[in-house]
Amino acid sequence: MIQTKRILIVDDDESLVDALARRCEALDLRVERAYDGMSALLKIDALEPDLVVLDVNMPSGSGLSVCEMAAHDPNLKTIPIIVLTGRTDSATIASCNRLDAYYVPKGPAIWSRLEPLVIDLLGIGRSRSAGPDKPDAAPPMTHRHSNWPGPGCSAWTTIPTLQPP
C-alpha cells in the first residue's frame, strides 16, 4: 500500500490555508493545518510531516523562528520547509538561505509557483485534474540539474506555467 504524504500548511490567513489545502488534497496529500507559530511548531514535532508550507508573519511566533527551531532539531531538520510569504526584504530571503528553506513569495499566481515545488519535493505524480492538455505525471526535477532554485536560493528563476485545476 502506498503511504500518503502529509503536508502541514501554516498561515494566519485561514482562507489561504483552506484554498491551498483543497489544492493539496487534489494531489492526494494528507493535509494538516495550523494558523500560528506555536501551533506550527507543536504539529511539526508531533506529526513530522513530509513537507511544511509556512508563512512568516503570524501570531504566537514568527514562521522563520519555527523554521529555525525545526532546522536545529535532529529529528526535524530533514523535513523540507517552503516559506510562503509576502515579505520580499533581503533579511527574510537571507534567513531562508541560511535555514535551507525554499522561499516562495506570495502573489496572484501562488499555486502555479507552489504546486510544482510540492510535487518535486514530495516526489509525487500530477493531480487527478490532469487532462488531455496536461501531462499525467510531472517531469522529474532535481535541484542540481534544473532551474529549480533548491533550498536556500533567494529567487525563482524559471517556473513552469500550470493552469489551475
N, C-alpha and C. Protein backbone atom coordinates (compact mmCIF):
# COMPACT_ATOMS: atom_id res chain seq x y z
N MET A 1 0.83 -1.18 0.00
CA MET A 1 0.00 0.00 0.00
C MET A 1 0.88 1.25 0.00
N ILE A 2 0.51 2.23 -0.81
CA ILE A 2 1.28 3.45 -0.90
C ILE A 2 0.95 4.35 0.28
N GLN A 3 2.00 4.85 0.91
CA GLN A 3 1.84 5.75 2.05
C GLN A 3 1.48 7.14 1.54
N THR A 4 0.42 7.72 2.05
CA THR A 4 0.03 9.06 1.68
C THR A 4 0.97 10.06 2.32
N LYS A 5 1.44 11.00 1.52
CA LYS A 5 2.34 12.04 2.02
C LYS A 5 1.54 13.04 2.83
N ARG A 6 2.15 13.57 3.86
CA ARG A 6 1.49 14.54 4.74
C ARG A 6 2.16 15.90 4.60
N ILE A 7 1.34 16.93 4.44
CA ILE A 7 1.82 18.30 4.33
C ILE A 7 1.16 19.13 5.43
N LEU A 8 1.93 19.99 6.05
CA LEU A 8 1.40 20.91 7.04
C LEU A 8 1.43 22.30 6.43
N ILE A 9 0.27 22.95 6.38
CA ILE A 9 0.15 24.30 5.84
C ILE A 9 -0.11 25.24 7.00
N VAL A 10 0.75 26.26 7.13
CA VAL A 10 0.68 27.16 8.28
C VAL A 10 0.60 28.61 7.79
N ASP A 11 -0.49 29.27 8.12
CA ASP A 11 -0.66 30.69 7.79
C ASP A 11 -1.80 31.20 8.65
N ASP A 12 -1.72 32.45 9.08
CA ASP A 12 -2.81 33.00 9.87
C ASP A 12 -4.00 33.42 9.00
N ASP A 13 -3.85 33.36 7.69
CA ASP A 13 -4.95 33.62 6.75
C ASP A 13 -5.66 32.29 6.50
N GLU A 14 -6.76 32.07 7.22
CA GLU A 14 -7.46 30.78 7.14
C GLU A 14 -8.00 30.50 5.74
N SER A 15 -8.40 31.54 5.02
CA SER A 15 -8.91 31.35 3.65
C SER A 15 -7.80 30.82 2.74
N LEU A 16 -6.61 31.35 2.90
CA LEU A 16 -5.48 30.88 2.10
C LEU A 16 -5.14 29.44 2.46
N VAL A 17 -5.12 29.13 3.73
CA VAL A 17 -4.84 27.76 4.17
C VAL A 17 -5.87 26.80 3.57
N ASP A 18 -7.15 27.17 3.63
CA ASP A 18 -8.19 26.31 3.07
C ASP A 18 -8.04 26.13 1.57
N ALA A 19 -7.73 27.20 0.84
CA ALA A 19 -7.55 27.11 -0.61
C ALA A 19 -6.37 26.22 -0.96
N LEU A 20 -5.25 26.40 -0.26
CA LEU A 20 -4.08 25.56 -0.51
C LEU A 20 -4.34 24.11 -0.11
N ALA A 21 -5.08 23.92 0.97
CA ALA A 21 -5.41 22.57 1.42
C ALA A 21 -6.22 21.83 0.35
N ARG A 22 -7.19 22.51 -0.24
CA ARG A 22 -8.00 21.88 -1.30
C ARG A 22 -7.12 21.48 -2.48
N ARG A 23 -6.19 22.35 -2.85
CA ARG A 23 -5.28 22.04 -3.96
C ARG A 23 -4.40 20.84 -3.61
N CYS A 24 -3.89 20.81 -2.40
CA CYS A 24 -3.04 19.70 -1.97
C CYS A 24 -3.82 18.39 -1.87
N GLU A 25 -5.05 18.47 -1.42
CA GLU A 25 -5.89 17.27 -1.36
C GLU A 25 -6.14 16.72 -2.75
N ALA A 26 -6.22 17.60 -3.77
CA ALA A 26 -6.37 17.16 -5.15
C ALA A 26 -5.13 16.40 -5.63
N LEU A 27 -4.01 16.60 -4.95
CA LEU A 27 -2.79 15.85 -5.24
C LEU A 27 -2.69 14.59 -4.37
N ASP A 28 -3.79 14.26 -3.70
CA ASP A 28 -3.87 13.10 -2.81
C ASP A 28 -2.92 13.20 -1.62
N LEU A 29 -2.72 14.42 -1.14
CA LEU A 29 -1.90 14.63 0.06
C LEU A 29 -2.80 14.68 1.28
N ARG A 30 -2.29 14.23 2.38
CA ARG A 30 -2.97 14.35 3.66
C ARG A 30 -2.57 15.71 4.23
N VAL A 31 -3.55 16.57 4.45
CA VAL A 31 -3.28 17.95 4.83
C VAL A 31 -3.57 18.19 6.31
N GLU A 32 -2.61 18.80 6.97
CA GLU A 32 -2.78 19.28 8.33
C GLU A 32 -2.69 20.80 8.27
N ARG A 33 -3.38 21.46 9.19
CA ARG A 33 -3.42 22.92 9.20
C ARG A 33 -2.99 23.47 10.55
N ALA A 34 -2.36 24.65 10.49
CA ALA A 34 -2.07 25.42 11.70
C ALA A 34 -2.15 26.89 11.31
N TYR A 35 -2.47 27.73 12.30
CA TYR A 35 -2.73 29.15 12.00
C TYR A 35 -1.84 30.11 12.79
N ASP A 36 -0.87 29.58 13.51
CA ASP A 36 0.06 30.44 14.24
C ASP A 36 1.37 29.67 14.47
N GLY A 37 2.39 30.41 14.87
CA GLY A 37 3.71 29.83 15.02
C GLY A 37 3.81 28.73 16.06
N MET A 38 3.19 28.92 17.21
CA MET A 38 3.27 27.91 18.28
C MET A 38 2.59 26.60 17.85
N SER A 39 1.40 26.70 17.27
CA SER A 39 0.71 25.50 16.79
C SER A 39 1.52 24.80 15.72
N ALA A 40 2.17 25.59 14.86
CA ALA A 40 3.00 25.00 13.81
C ALA A 40 4.13 24.17 14.41
N LEU A 41 4.82 24.73 15.37
CA LEU A 41 5.94 24.03 15.99
C LEU A 41 5.47 22.74 16.68
N LEU A 42 4.36 22.82 17.39
CA LEU A 42 3.82 21.63 18.06
C LEU A 42 3.43 20.56 17.05
N LYS A 43 2.80 20.97 15.94
CA LYS A 43 2.37 19.98 14.93
C LYS A 43 3.56 19.40 14.17
N ILE A 44 4.55 20.21 13.89
CA ILE A 44 5.74 19.69 13.22
C ILE A 44 6.40 18.62 14.09
N ASP A 45 6.51 18.91 15.38
CA ASP A 45 7.12 17.96 16.31
C ASP A 45 6.29 16.69 16.46
N ALA A 46 4.98 16.84 16.59
CA ALA A 46 4.11 15.68 16.83
C ALA A 46 3.89 14.83 15.58
N LEU A 47 3.75 15.48 14.42
CA LEU A 47 3.35 14.76 13.21
C LEU A 47 4.51 14.40 12.29
N GLU A 48 5.61 15.15 12.40
CA GLU A 48 6.73 15.00 11.48
C GLU A 48 6.24 14.87 10.04
N PRO A 49 5.61 15.94 9.52
CA PRO A 49 5.08 15.87 8.15
C PRO A 49 6.18 15.72 7.11
N ASP A 50 5.79 15.35 5.91
CA ASP A 50 6.76 15.19 4.83
C ASP A 50 7.18 16.54 4.24
N LEU A 51 6.35 17.57 4.45
CA LEU A 51 6.62 18.90 3.93
C LEU A 51 5.84 19.91 4.75
N VAL A 52 6.43 21.09 4.95
CA VAL A 52 5.77 22.18 5.66
C VAL A 52 5.76 23.41 4.74
N VAL A 53 4.60 24.04 4.63
CA VAL A 53 4.46 25.33 3.95
C VAL A 53 4.16 26.32 5.06
N LEU A 54 4.99 27.35 5.18
CA LEU A 54 5.00 28.18 6.38
C LEU A 54 5.05 29.67 6.04
N ASP A 55 4.12 30.44 6.60
CA ASP A 55 4.14 31.89 6.46
C ASP A 55 5.15 32.46 7.46
N VAL A 56 5.53 33.72 7.27
CA VAL A 56 6.48 34.35 8.18
C VAL A 56 5.76 35.13 9.28
N ASN A 57 4.91 36.06 8.91
CA ASN A 57 4.25 36.93 9.89
C ASN A 57 2.97 36.28 10.40
N MET A 58 3.06 35.75 11.62
CA MET A 58 1.91 35.08 12.23
C MET A 58 1.88 35.38 13.71
N PRO A 59 0.71 35.23 14.34
CA PRO A 59 0.65 35.37 15.80
C PRO A 59 1.39 34.21 16.48
N SER A 60 1.76 34.40 17.69
CA SER A 60 2.39 33.36 18.52
C SER A 60 3.65 32.76 17.91
N GLY A 61 4.43 33.60 17.29
CA GLY A 61 5.72 33.13 16.79
C GLY A 61 5.89 33.30 15.30
N SER A 62 7.02 33.82 14.90
CA SER A 62 7.36 34.01 13.51
C SER A 62 7.59 32.67 12.82
N GLY A 63 7.20 32.60 11.56
CA GLY A 63 7.46 31.40 10.78
C GLY A 63 8.95 31.13 10.63
N LEU A 64 9.75 32.19 10.58
CA LEU A 64 11.20 31.99 10.49
C LEU A 64 11.75 31.41 11.79
N SER A 65 11.18 31.77 12.93
CA SER A 65 11.59 31.17 14.20
C SER A 65 11.24 29.69 14.23
N VAL A 66 10.06 29.36 13.73
CA VAL A 66 9.64 27.96 13.65
C VAL A 66 10.61 27.19 12.75
N CYS A 67 10.92 27.78 11.62
CA CYS A 67 11.85 27.15 10.67
C CYS A 67 13.21 26.93 11.32
N GLU A 68 13.68 27.92 12.06
CA GLU A 68 14.98 27.81 12.73
C GLU A 68 14.97 26.70 13.79
N MET A 69 13.90 26.63 14.58
CA MET A 69 13.81 25.58 15.60
C MET A 69 13.79 24.20 14.96
N ALA A 70 13.05 24.05 13.87
CA ALA A 70 12.99 22.76 13.17
C ALA A 70 14.36 22.43 12.58
N ALA A 71 15.05 23.43 12.04
CA ALA A 71 16.36 23.20 11.41
C ALA A 71 17.41 22.74 12.41
N HIS A 72 17.24 23.10 13.69
CA HIS A 72 18.22 22.72 14.70
C HIS A 72 17.83 21.48 15.50
N ASP A 73 16.68 20.89 15.16
CA ASP A 73 16.25 19.66 15.83
C ASP A 73 16.65 18.47 14.96
N PRO A 74 17.47 17.56 15.47
CA PRO A 74 17.95 16.44 14.65
C PRO A 74 16.83 15.58 14.06
N ASN A 75 15.68 15.51 14.74
CA ASN A 75 14.56 14.71 14.23
C ASN A 75 13.74 15.43 13.18
N LEU A 76 13.86 16.74 13.10
CA LEU A 76 13.00 17.53 12.21
C LEU A 76 13.76 18.21 11.08
N LYS A 77 15.07 18.28 11.17
CA LYS A 77 15.81 19.09 10.21
C LYS A 77 15.78 18.58 8.78
N THR A 78 15.38 17.33 8.58
CA THR A 78 15.30 16.81 7.22
C THR A 78 13.96 17.11 6.54
N ILE A 79 13.01 17.66 7.29
CA ILE A 79 11.71 18.00 6.71
C ILE A 79 11.88 19.26 5.87
N PRO A 80 11.55 19.18 4.57
CA PRO A 80 11.67 20.39 3.76
C PRO A 80 10.60 21.42 4.18
N ILE A 81 11.02 22.69 4.16
CA ILE A 81 10.10 23.77 4.52
C ILE A 81 10.08 24.79 3.40
N ILE A 82 8.87 25.11 2.97
CA ILE A 82 8.65 26.17 1.99
C ILE A 82 8.17 27.38 2.78
N VAL A 83 8.91 28.47 2.69
CA VAL A 83 8.50 29.71 3.34
C VAL A 83 7.70 30.49 2.29
N LEU A 84 6.40 30.57 2.52
CA LEU A 84 5.47 31.23 1.61
C LEU A 84 5.07 32.54 2.28
N THR A 85 5.57 33.65 1.76
CA THR A 85 5.40 34.91 2.46
C THR A 85 5.22 36.08 1.52
N GLY A 86 4.62 37.13 2.04
CA GLY A 86 4.51 38.37 1.31
C GLY A 86 5.74 39.24 1.49
N ARG A 87 6.62 38.83 2.38
CA ARG A 87 7.83 39.62 2.65
C ARG A 87 8.86 39.37 1.54
N THR A 88 9.41 40.44 1.04
CA THR A 88 10.42 40.34 -0.02
C THR A 88 11.73 41.02 0.38
N ASP A 89 11.86 41.36 1.66
CA ASP A 89 13.07 42.05 2.11
C ASP A 89 14.27 41.10 2.13
N SER A 90 15.44 41.67 2.03
CA SER A 90 16.66 40.87 1.95
C SER A 90 16.92 40.07 3.23
N ALA A 91 16.49 40.57 4.38
CA ALA A 91 16.71 39.83 5.63
C ALA A 91 15.90 38.53 5.64
N THR A 92 14.66 38.58 5.16
CA THR A 92 13.83 37.36 5.09
C THR A 92 14.45 36.36 4.12
N ILE A 93 14.85 36.84 2.97
CA ILE A 93 15.45 35.96 1.97
C ILE A 93 16.76 35.37 2.50
N ALA A 94 17.57 36.18 3.18
CA ALA A 94 18.82 35.68 3.76
C ALA A 94 18.55 34.62 4.82
N SER A 95 17.49 34.81 5.61
CA SER A 95 17.13 33.80 6.63
C SER A 95 16.73 32.49 5.96
N CYS A 96 15.98 32.56 4.88
CA CYS A 96 15.62 31.34 4.15
C CYS A 96 16.88 30.64 3.63
N ASN A 97 17.81 31.42 3.09
CA ASN A 97 19.07 30.85 2.62
C ASN A 97 19.80 30.13 3.74
N ARG A 98 19.94 30.81 4.85
CA ARG A 98 20.68 30.26 6.00
C ARG A 98 20.03 29.00 6.55
N LEU A 99 18.70 28.93 6.50
CA LEU A 99 17.97 27.80 7.07
C LEU A 99 17.65 26.71 6.05
N ASP A 100 18.16 26.85 4.84
CA ASP A 100 17.88 25.89 3.75
C ASP A 100 16.39 25.72 3.50
N ALA A 101 15.65 26.80 3.61
CA ALA A 101 14.21 26.78 3.32
C ALA A 101 13.99 27.28 1.90
N TYR A 102 12.93 26.83 1.30
CA TYR A 102 12.56 27.26 -0.04
C TYR A 102 11.73 28.54 0.09
N TYR A 103 12.16 29.60 -0.52
CA TYR A 103 11.48 30.89 -0.46
C TYR A 103 10.53 31.02 -1.64
N VAL A 104 9.25 31.23 -1.35
CA VAL A 104 8.25 31.46 -2.40
C VAL A 104 7.46 32.70 -2.02
N PRO A 105 7.54 33.77 -2.82
CA PRO A 105 6.78 34.97 -2.50
C PRO A 105 5.29 34.77 -2.80
N LYS A 106 4.45 35.33 -1.94
CA LYS A 106 3.01 35.28 -2.19
C LYS A 106 2.70 36.21 -3.35
N GLY A 107 1.67 35.87 -4.08
CA GLY A 107 1.27 36.70 -5.22
C GLY A 107 0.07 36.07 -5.90
N PRO A 108 -0.38 36.69 -6.98
CA PRO A 108 -1.60 36.22 -7.64
C PRO A 108 -1.49 34.81 -8.22
N ALA A 109 -0.32 34.39 -8.63
CA ALA A 109 -0.15 33.06 -9.23
C ALA A 109 0.48 32.10 -8.22
N ILE A 110 0.01 32.16 -6.99
CA ILE A 110 0.64 31.41 -5.90
C ILE A 110 0.67 29.90 -6.15
N TRP A 111 -0.43 29.33 -6.63
CA TRP A 111 -0.47 27.88 -6.82
C TRP A 111 0.43 27.45 -7.98
N SER A 112 0.53 28.25 -9.02
CA SER A 112 1.40 27.87 -10.14
C SER A 112 2.87 27.88 -9.71
N ARG A 113 3.21 28.61 -8.68
CA ARG A 113 4.56 28.59 -8.13
C ARG A 113 4.74 27.47 -7.12
N LEU A 114 3.71 27.20 -6.36
CA LEU A 114 3.82 26.25 -5.26
C LEU A 114 3.65 24.80 -5.72
N GLU A 115 2.71 24.54 -6.59
CA GLU A 115 2.41 23.16 -6.99
C GLU A 115 3.61 22.39 -7.53
N PRO A 116 4.37 22.93 -8.50
CA PRO A 116 5.50 22.14 -8.99
C PRO A 116 6.57 21.88 -7.94
N LEU A 117 6.72 22.80 -7.02
CA LEU A 117 7.70 22.60 -5.94
C LEU A 117 7.23 21.52 -4.97
N VAL A 118 5.94 21.54 -4.62
CA VAL A 118 5.37 20.49 -3.76
C VAL A 118 5.53 19.13 -4.42
N ILE A 119 5.18 19.05 -5.70
CA ILE A 119 5.29 17.79 -6.44
C ILE A 119 6.73 17.30 -6.43
N ASP A 120 7.66 18.20 -6.69
CA ASP A 120 9.07 17.82 -6.74
C ASP A 120 9.59 17.38 -5.37
N LEU A 121 9.31 18.16 -4.34
CA LEU A 121 9.83 17.84 -3.01
C LEU A 121 9.26 16.54 -2.45
N LEU A 122 8.01 16.25 -2.78
CA LEU A 122 7.38 15.03 -2.27
C LEU A 122 7.50 13.85 -3.23
N GLY A 123 8.00 14.10 -4.42
CA GLY A 123 8.18 13.01 -5.38
C GLY A 123 6.87 12.36 -5.78
N ILE A 124 5.86 13.18 -5.98
CA ILE A 124 4.54 12.64 -6.34
C ILE A 124 4.21 12.94 -7.80
N GLY A 125 3.18 12.23 -8.33
CA GLY A 125 2.72 12.46 -9.69
C GLY A 125 1.78 13.64 -9.75
N ARG A 126 1.31 13.91 -10.92
CA ARG A 126 0.38 15.01 -11.14
C ARG A 126 -0.96 14.73 -10.47
N SER A 127 -1.75 15.78 -10.31
CA SER A 127 -3.06 15.67 -9.69
C SER A 127 -4.03 14.95 -10.60
N ARG A 128 -5.15 14.57 -10.02
CA ARG A 128 -6.21 13.92 -10.77
C ARG A 128 -6.82 14.86 -11.80
N SER A 129 -6.51 16.15 -11.71
CA SER A 129 -7.07 17.12 -12.63
C SER A 129 -6.36 17.10 -13.98
N ALA A 130 -5.35 16.23 -14.11
CA ALA A 130 -4.64 16.17 -15.39
C ALA A 130 -5.62 15.78 -16.48
N GLY A 131 -5.58 16.52 -17.53
CA GLY A 131 -6.49 16.28 -18.64
C GLY A 131 -5.72 16.07 -19.92
N PRO A 132 -6.41 16.13 -21.08
CA PRO A 132 -5.74 15.86 -22.33
C PRO A 132 -4.63 16.87 -22.65
N ASP A 133 -4.76 18.09 -22.15
CA ASP A 133 -3.74 19.09 -22.43
C ASP A 133 -2.70 19.19 -21.32
N LYS A 134 -2.81 18.33 -20.30
CA LYS A 134 -1.87 18.33 -19.19
C LYS A 134 -1.22 16.96 -19.10
N PRO A 135 0.05 16.91 -18.75
CA PRO A 135 0.71 15.60 -18.63
C PRO A 135 0.17 14.82 -17.43
N ASP A 136 0.24 13.51 -17.53
CA ASP A 136 -0.21 12.66 -16.43
C ASP A 136 0.76 12.68 -15.27
N ALA A 137 1.99 12.95 -15.55
CA ALA A 137 2.99 12.96 -14.48
C ALA A 137 3.90 14.17 -14.66
N ALA A 138 4.29 14.71 -13.56
CA ALA A 138 5.22 15.84 -13.61
C ALA A 138 6.59 15.30 -14.00
N PRO A 139 7.33 16.05 -14.82
CA PRO A 139 8.66 15.58 -15.15
C PRO A 139 9.53 15.58 -13.90
N PRO A 140 10.43 14.62 -13.81
CA PRO A 140 11.30 14.60 -12.63
C PRO A 140 12.15 15.87 -12.61
N MET A 141 12.24 16.47 -11.44
CA MET A 141 13.03 17.68 -11.30
C MET A 141 13.98 17.50 -10.14
N THR A 142 15.22 17.86 -10.37
CA THR A 142 16.17 17.80 -9.27
C THR A 142 16.76 19.17 -9.08
N HIS A 143 17.23 19.44 -7.92
CA HIS A 143 17.76 20.76 -7.62
C HIS A 143 19.08 21.01 -8.34
N ARG A 144 19.85 19.98 -8.57
CA ARG A 144 21.16 20.18 -9.19
C ARG A 144 21.09 20.31 -10.70
N HIS A 145 20.07 19.72 -11.31
CA HIS A 145 20.05 19.62 -12.76
C HIS A 145 18.89 20.35 -13.42
N SER A 146 18.30 21.28 -12.76
CA SER A 146 17.20 22.00 -13.37
C SER A 146 17.25 23.46 -12.96
N ASN A 147 16.23 24.18 -13.33
CA ASN A 147 16.15 25.59 -12.97
C ASN A 147 15.51 25.82 -11.62
N TRP A 148 15.21 24.75 -10.87
CA TRP A 148 14.67 24.92 -9.53
C TRP A 148 15.69 25.62 -8.68
N PRO A 149 15.23 26.52 -7.84
CA PRO A 149 16.19 27.22 -7.01
C PRO A 149 16.79 26.36 -5.91
N GLY A 150 16.10 25.34 -5.46
CA GLY A 150 16.64 24.50 -4.41
C GLY A 150 16.63 25.19 -3.06
N PRO A 151 16.93 24.46 -2.00
CA PRO A 151 16.89 25.08 -0.69
C PRO A 151 17.92 26.19 -0.59
N GLY A 152 17.53 27.23 0.08
CA GLY A 152 18.44 28.32 0.31
C GLY A 152 18.56 29.32 -0.81
N CYS A 153 17.92 29.08 -1.94
CA CYS A 153 18.02 30.03 -3.03
C CYS A 153 17.03 31.16 -2.80
N SER A 154 17.45 32.34 -3.19
CA SER A 154 16.68 33.52 -2.83
C SER A 154 15.64 33.93 -3.84
N ALA A 155 15.68 33.40 -5.02
CA ALA A 155 14.71 33.86 -6.01
C ALA A 155 14.36 32.73 -6.96
N TRP A 156 13.17 32.81 -7.49
CA TRP A 156 12.74 31.86 -8.50
C TRP A 156 13.37 32.24 -9.82
N THR A 157 13.76 31.25 -10.58
CA THR A 157 14.26 31.53 -11.91
C THR A 157 13.15 31.16 -12.89
N THR A 158 13.25 30.05 -13.54
CA THR A 158 12.22 29.62 -14.47
C THR A 158 11.19 28.79 -13.74
N ILE A 159 9.94 29.18 -13.84
CA ILE A 159 8.86 28.45 -13.17
C ILE A 159 7.87 27.98 -14.24
N PRO A 160 7.58 26.67 -14.31
CA PRO A 160 6.62 26.22 -15.30
C PRO A 160 5.26 26.87 -15.07
N THR A 161 4.59 27.21 -16.14
CA THR A 161 3.26 27.79 -16.02
C THR A 161 2.25 26.66 -16.05
N LEU A 162 1.51 26.51 -14.98
CA LEU A 162 0.49 25.47 -14.88
C LEU A 162 -0.84 26.13 -14.68
N GLN A 163 -1.84 25.60 -15.34
CA GLN A 163 -3.19 26.12 -15.17
C GLN A 163 -3.82 25.48 -13.95
N PRO A 164 -4.61 26.24 -13.17
CA PRO A 164 -5.27 25.66 -12.02
C PRO A 164 -6.25 24.58 -12.45
N PRO A 165 -6.50 23.59 -11.58
CA PRO A 165 -7.44 22.52 -11.95
C PRO A 165 -8.85 23.07 -12.09
